[in-house]
């Protein structure tokens, strides 16, 4: 079974429980409030042949780039997010991309999946779950 191509530009249309998720990451109150107001855009490049993927998260406040090969562990610098580093692996679970981030915080990671023209993102840390939904740009 072939895997879906995640390539495209997606604009956030929904967000749930982000403040609690950021608090679990020890992000200070003022920064949490700013982040919760942002409407990020995801610009994803996905090479199906090699498994290489770049996820660019773009906002008016900060940008964050994540470059990886699906199935290969790498050292991830989360400095722009919370100042931490971790060992990260992104792998397929069916048609979903599941990320495990091993470091200071337990149960940290995320899951991306496509549903029509929508990109779903579920972020987890220490039992707290936040969700975002993005719509593919026309």
Protein backbone atom coordinates (compact mmCIF):
# COMPACT_ATOMS: atom_id res chain seq x y z
CA UNK A 1 0.00 0.00 0.00
CA UNK A 2 1.45 3.38 -0.98
CA UNK A 3 1.83 6.11 1.60
CA UNK A 4 0.13 9.50 1.19
CA UNK A 5 2.08 12.53 -0.03
CA UNK A 6 1.99 15.18 2.68
CA UNK A 7 3.47 17.88 0.40
CA UNK A 8 1.65 21.19 0.36
CA UNK A 9 0.89 24.41 2.18
CA UNK A 10 -1.68 24.23 4.96
CA UNK A 11 -3.24 27.07 7.00
CA UNK A 12 -4.49 26.48 10.55
CA UNK A 13 -8.27 26.63 10.91
CA UNK A 14 -8.82 25.05 14.37
CA UNK A 15 -6.91 24.68 17.63
CA UNK A 16 -7.76 23.01 20.94
CA UNK A 17 -6.01 22.82 24.35
CA UNK A 18 -2.82 24.60 23.20
CA UNK A 19 -2.38 26.61 26.42
CA UNK A 20 -2.37 23.46 28.59
CA UNK A 21 0.06 21.75 26.20
CA UNK A 22 2.46 24.71 26.31
CA UNK A 23 2.17 24.87 30.12
CA UNK A 24 3.18 21.19 30.28
CA UNK A 25 6.29 22.20 28.30
CA UNK A 26 7.04 24.86 30.97
CA UNK A 27 6.47 27.74 28.54
CA UNK A 28 5.92 30.98 30.47
CA UNK A 29 2.48 32.57 30.69
CA UNK A 30 3.14 35.56 28.40
CA UNK A 31 4.65 33.44 25.63
CA UNK A 32 1.79 30.91 25.90
CA UNK A 33 -0.74 33.69 25.36
CA UNK A 34 1.13 34.94 22.27
CA UNK A 35 1.49 31.44 20.79
CA UNK A 36 -2.21 30.70 21.32
CA UNK A 37 -3.11 33.75 19.19
CA UNK A 38 -0.92 32.69 16.25
CA UNK A 39 -2.34 31.09 13.12
CA UNK A 40 0.57 29.01 11.81
CA UNK A 41 1.05 27.83 8.26
CA UNK A 42 2.65 24.43 7.57
CA UNK A 43 4.76 24.20 4.40
CA UNK A 44 5.58 20.52 3.87
CA UNK A 45 7.93 18.98 1.32
CA UNK A 46 7.72 15.19 1.18
CA UNK A 47 9.83 12.97 -1.08
CA UNK A 48 7.94 9.68 -1.26
CA UNK A 49 10.87 7.86 -2.88
CA UNK A 50 13.45 8.67 -0.18
CA UNK A 51 11.21 9.35 2.84
CA UNK A 52 12.85 12.76 3.28
CA UNK A 53 10.54 15.38 4.70
CA UNK A 54 10.76 19.05 5.64
CA UNK A 55 8.03 20.61 7.75
CA UNK A 56 8.27 24.39 7.96
CA UNK A 57 5.98 25.95 10.57
CA UNK A 58 5.59 29.62 9.74
CA UNK A 59 4.13 32.35 11.97
CA UNK A 60 4.41 36.11 12.36
CA UNK A 61 6.30 35.50 15.63
CA UNK A 62 8.76 32.62 15.02
CA UNK A 63 9.41 30.01 12.36
CA UNK A 64 10.44 26.41 13.00
CA UNK A 65 11.95 23.97 10.50
CA UNK A 66 12.07 20.21 10.93
CA UNK A 67 14.11 18.17 8.42
CA UNK A 68 14.17 14.38 8.72
CA UNK A 69 13.99 11.03 6.98
CA UNK A 70 11.03 8.90 7.99
CA UNK A 71 12.19 5.96 10.12
CA UNK A 72 15.61 7.43 11.01
CA UNK A 73 16.37 8.80 14.48
CA UNK A 74 17.91 12.27 14.64
CA UNK A 75 18.88 14.91 17.19
CA UNK A 76 16.19 17.59 17.13
CA UNK A 77 16.88 21.12 18.33
CA UNK A 78 13.66 22.45 19.83
CA UNK A 79 15.30 25.75 20.79
CA UNK A 80 12.71 27.85 18.94
CA UNK A 81 9.93 26.00 20.79
CA UNK A 82 11.08 25.39 24.37
CA UNK A 83 14.90 25.46 24.41
CA UNK A 84 15.29 21.69 24.64
CA UNK A 85 16.91 19.06 22.47
CA UNK A 86 15.70 15.50 22.08
CA UNK A 87 16.19 12.31 20.09
CA UNK A 88 13.39 12.15 17.57
CA UNK A 89 12.02 9.46 15.29
CA UNK A 90 9.16 9.94 12.83
CA UNK A 91 7.63 6.74 11.47
CA UNK A 92 4.56 5.50 9.66
CA UNK A 93 1.63 3.96 11.52
CA UNK A 94 -0.70 3.14 8.66
CA UNK A 95 -1.20 6.44 6.81
CA UNK A 96 -0.30 8.53 9.88
CA UNK A 97 3.08 10.07 10.66
CA UNK A 98 3.92 9.45 14.31
CA UNK A 99 6.75 11.33 16.01
CA UNK A 100 8.39 10.23 19.27
CA UNK A 101 10.60 12.86 20.96
CA UNK A 102 12.74 11.35 23.73
CA UNK A 103 14.24 13.87 26.15
CA UNK A 104 13.42 15.68 29.38
CA UNK A 105 9.65 15.43 29.01
CA UNK A 106 7.83 12.09 29.11
CA UNK A 107 5.39 11.04 26.42
CA UNK A 108 6.39 13.84 24.07
CA UNK A 109 5.56 13.63 20.39
CA UNK A 110 2.96 14.26 17.73
CA UNK A 111 0.85 12.58 15.07
CA UNK A 112 -0.02 14.03 11.64
CA UNK A 113 -2.70 12.63 9.34
CA UNK A 114 -4.56 13.75 6.24
CA UNK A 115 -8.34 13.74 5.86
CA UNK A 116 -9.33 15.11 2.45
CA UNK A 117 -7.88 18.62 2.19
CA UNK A 118 -7.25 18.82 5.94
CA UNK A 119 -4.04 18.11 7.82
CA UNK A 120 -4.55 17.09 11.44
CA UNK A 121 -1.91 17.48 14.14
CA UNK A 122 -2.15 15.98 17.62
CA UNK A 123 0.65 17.03 20.00
CA UNK A 124 1.34 15.16 23.25
CA UNK A 125 3.48 15.70 26.33
CA UNK A 126 3.12 14.23 29.84
CA UNK A 127 -0.47 13.13 29.17
CA UNK A 128 -1.61 16.53 27.84
CA UNK A 129 -2.96 16.56 24.27
CA UNK A 130 -3.41 19.59 22.00
CA UNK A 131 -4.93 19.46 18.54
CA UNK A 132 -4.66 21.62 15.45
CA UNK A 133 -6.39 21.30 12.09
CA UNK A 134 -5.00 22.86 8.91
CA UNK A 135 -6.68 23.32 5.53
CA UNK A 136 -4.68 22.86 2.34
CA UNK A 137 -4.17 26.06 0.35
CA UNK A 138 -5.88 26.16 -3.04
